[in-house]
Amino acid sequence: MAKLTILAASLVAFLALASVSAHRTTITTTVVEEENPGQQQCREQIQRQQNLRHCQMYLARGRDQYEVAMVTDRNPQQQQHLRECCQQLQKIDEECRCEGVRTAVRQQQGQREQER
């Protein structure tokens, strides 16, 4: 009987430990950069291009951040999003494009987090 009690207690402890380790914590860090006139201009250009919505739509295809298949994607709708993403990027000043891509990625990641 004592062995059965010890076995049951061990099983409960194991299940509790497994339950605790199954939870995942996501830590989001925010970097606050000093505002400069160039950043404001970039932000406005990005907003005029709908926050690179087509880039976000293209990124949404890969449910995992490493699934994006860039040029090799055979899906016509995805190819269209990629083309329009490139067109949106071309309408933004070159020095603002990286920030535009960062914005699209951040917004897509935020949307994925909300879906969970």
Protein backbone atom coordinates (compact mmCIF):
# COMPACT_ATOMS: atom_id res chain seq x y z
CA MET A 1 0.00 0.00 0.00
CA ALA A 2 2.87 2.37 0.84
CA LYS A 3 4.42 1.68 -2.56
CA LEU A 4 1.13 2.57 -4.25
CA THR A 5 0.93 5.84 -2.29
CA ILE A 6 4.51 6.74 -3.23
CA LEU A 7 3.82 5.88 -6.87
CA ALA A 8 0.65 8.01 -6.90
CA ALA A 9 2.45 10.95 -5.25
CA SER A 10 5.30 10.65 -7.76
CA LEU A 11 2.83 10.60 -10.65
CA VAL A 12 1.04 13.72 -9.35
CA ALA A 13 4.38 15.53 -8.91
CA PHE A 14 5.45 14.52 -12.42
CA LEU A 15 2.18 15.74 -13.94
CA ALA A 16 2.42 19.05 -12.06
CA LEU A 17 5.99 19.54 -13.28
CA ALA A 18 5.00 18.69 -16.86
CA SER A 19 2.09 21.13 -16.69
CA VAL A 20 4.31 23.95 -15.45
CA SER A 21 6.98 23.33 -18.08
CA ALA A 22 4.36 23.20 -20.87
CA HIS A 23 3.60 26.91 -20.52
CA ARG A 24 5.67 29.24 -22.65
CA THR A 25 6.54 32.81 -21.78
CA THR A 26 6.99 35.44 -24.46
CA ILE A 27 8.98 38.51 -23.54
CA THR A 28 8.58 41.56 -25.73
CA THR A 29 11.12 44.34 -25.52
CA THR A 30 10.50 47.82 -26.79
CA VAL A 31 13.32 50.14 -27.72
CA VAL A 32 12.50 53.81 -27.54
CA GLU A 33 14.62 55.78 -29.95
CA GLU A 34 14.88 59.52 -29.99
CA GLU A 35 12.63 61.03 -32.62
CA ASN A 36 14.34 62.79 -35.47
CA PRO A 37 12.79 64.50 -38.50
CA GLY A 38 13.89 61.68 -40.80
CA GLN A 39 12.04 59.09 -38.73
CA GLN A 40 8.84 61.11 -38.90
CA GLN A 41 9.20 61.41 -42.67
CA CYS A 42 9.76 57.66 -42.95
CA ARG A 43 6.74 56.94 -40.77
CA GLU A 44 4.57 59.13 -42.99
CA GLN A 45 5.82 57.43 -46.17
CA ILE A 46 5.17 54.00 -44.67
CA GLN A 47 1.65 55.03 -43.66
CA ARG A 48 0.97 56.35 -47.16
CA GLN A 49 1.83 52.86 -48.42
CA GLN A 50 -0.76 51.35 -46.04
CA ASN A 51 1.97 50.21 -43.61
CA LEU A 52 3.17 47.89 -46.39
CA ARG A 53 -0.03 45.87 -46.16
CA HIS A 54 0.93 43.62 -49.07
CA CYS A 55 4.21 42.79 -47.35
CA GLN A 56 2.21 41.88 -44.25
CA MET A 57 -0.11 39.71 -46.34
CA TYR A 58 2.87 37.96 -47.87
CA LEU A 59 4.43 37.39 -44.45
CA ALA A 60 1.10 36.05 -43.15
CA ARG A 61 1.44 33.06 -45.47
CA GLY A 62 4.11 31.45 -43.31
CA ARG A 63 2.57 30.60 -39.96
CA ASP A 64 6.10 30.05 -38.70
CA GLN A 65 8.54 32.94 -39.03
CA TYR A 66 10.93 30.74 -41.02
CA GLU A 67 8.38 29.47 -43.55
CA VAL A 68 8.44 32.46 -45.90
CA ALA A 69 9.36 31.10 -49.33
CA MET A 70 10.20 34.42 -51.05
CA VAL A 71 10.74 34.06 -54.82
CA THR A 72 10.06 30.32 -55.06
CA ASP A 73 6.43 30.56 -53.96
CA ARG A 74 4.16 29.10 -56.65
CA ASN A 75 0.87 30.37 -55.22
CA PRO A 76 -0.44 33.11 -57.60
CA GLN A 77 -2.03 35.07 -54.76
CA GLN A 78 1.24 35.02 -52.83
CA GLN A 79 3.17 36.08 -55.92
CA GLN A 80 0.74 39.00 -56.29
CA HIS A 81 1.29 40.05 -52.66
CA LEU A 82 5.06 39.83 -53.18
CA ARG A 83 4.90 41.96 -56.36
CA GLU A 84 2.72 44.57 -54.68
CA CYS A 85 4.97 44.52 -51.60
CA CYS A 86 7.95 45.32 -53.84
CA GLN A 87 5.96 48.11 -55.52
CA GLN A 88 5.05 49.59 -52.15
CA LEU A 89 8.70 49.46 -51.06
CA GLN A 90 9.82 51.18 -54.26
CA LYS A 91 7.51 54.11 -53.46
CA ILE A 92 9.33 54.65 -50.15
CA ASP A 93 12.68 56.47 -49.96
CA GLU A 94 15.58 54.03 -49.85
CA GLU A 95 16.65 55.12 -46.35
CA CYS A 96 13.13 54.35 -45.07
CA ARG A 97 12.70 50.87 -46.56
CA CYS A 98 14.29 48.92 -43.73
CA GLU A 99 12.07 50.69 -41.23
CA GLY A 100 9.11 49.90 -43.48
CA VAL A 101 9.96 46.20 -43.49
CA ARG A 102 10.47 46.28 -39.70
CA THR A 103 7.04 47.89 -39.33
CA ALA A 104 5.39 45.24 -41.53
CA VAL A 105 7.09 42.41 -39.62
CA ARG A 106 6.19 43.89 -36.21
CA GLN A 107 2.56 44.34 -37.20
CA GLN A 108 2.36 40.82 -38.58
CA GLN A 109 3.94 39.39 -35.43
CA GLY A 110 1.45 41.36 -33.33
CA GLN A 111 -1.42 39.97 -35.35
CA ARG A 112 -0.10 36.42 -34.90
CA GLU A 113 0.17 36.96 -31.14
CA GLN A 114 -3.46 38.10 -31.04
CA GLU A 115 -4.54 34.96 -32.91
CA ARG A 116 -3.03 32.68 -30.26
